[in-house]
Amino acid sequence: MSYLTVSDGQLFYTDEGTGGETVLFVHGGTCDSHDWAPQIEPFAARHRVITPDLRGHGRSSSFAGGLTPRDFAADLVSLLEHLDSGPVVVVGHSLGAAVASVLGVEFPDLVRAVVAVDPAYGFDLDFAAGVAAAFRTPDPVAVAAAVLAGMEAPATDPGLDWLPTWHRRRTLGTSPETAAAVFQGLFDAPNEVTLRPAAEGYLRRRTCPVLTVSANASLKAKGIDLGWEEAVSLHPYSSAVAWDGVGHWIHQERAAEFNELVLDWIAGLPASPAEGAN
């Protein structure tokens, strides 16, 4: 494990595994890289796996400046360049999927493909305005904990009944400044990365393959469907799936099924233009 000095802060990351593709895991807001515990070992058995804590989260320090998807993406560009990673498959959950999309649009030479897990984009303006307003409060951490609690999986698997407590306690350990800035960075208008209709044009600028794995409940809450996801992911290898009976943390709730889906999709990635020329 290592720390990288980025701007005026320290970015924590791990770098494990060899061979195959290089996979960059990007966690969601008020979370940390522990979210990917069910993925790191299975993926590192086949691929190089880079797993950071975003600025202001986990073991990474707070930085001066913003906490928008673009700010997080800029930090990750510095990390990938430091590690000489070459193009990566970016697997992002929630906020992390928005960050992955910024990388895909604005740094395409660094991105082989994007896997967007219950992504924090596709919200309409009215819904987003309500969420952003809720975070203009003296206690944004409590608001974040309540919002995320409403996105937990149905209580059907007793082996996972500890997950909501873990998610809640981690959110409660986030600084108020980080909680407010992260959610306002996602939901305050104007925001072309996450809010419809501007996000539709922005996301179509991802020229790489995109696999989207959503909870059906999340699509319904956003007022979109798989057709919308397919329409903003134009590469012919792109795919979108939605599962019933899951909450926001799909990769934890149905880890074995998720890992099989994503590893198989990565294994089938078409050669990049650079590879095809060799």
Foldseek 3Di string as FASTA:
>chain_A
DDWDDDANWIKDKDKAAAADFEEEEAEDALAAQVLCVLPPVVVRVHHIYMGIGFAQADPIHHDPDAQALVVRLVVVVVVCVVVVRWAHEYEYAASGQLNVLCCLQVVVRNHQEYEYAQYQALAEQVVLVVQLVVLPDPALLVVVLVVVLVQFFDPDDPVCPCVNVVSSVSSVVGDSVRSNRHSCSSRPPPDLSGYPPSNLVSLLSRQHAYEYEHEPVSCVVRVHDVVSVCSSGPHPLHYYDYDYRGGRSCCVVVVVVVNVVVVVSSVPGDDDPVVVVD
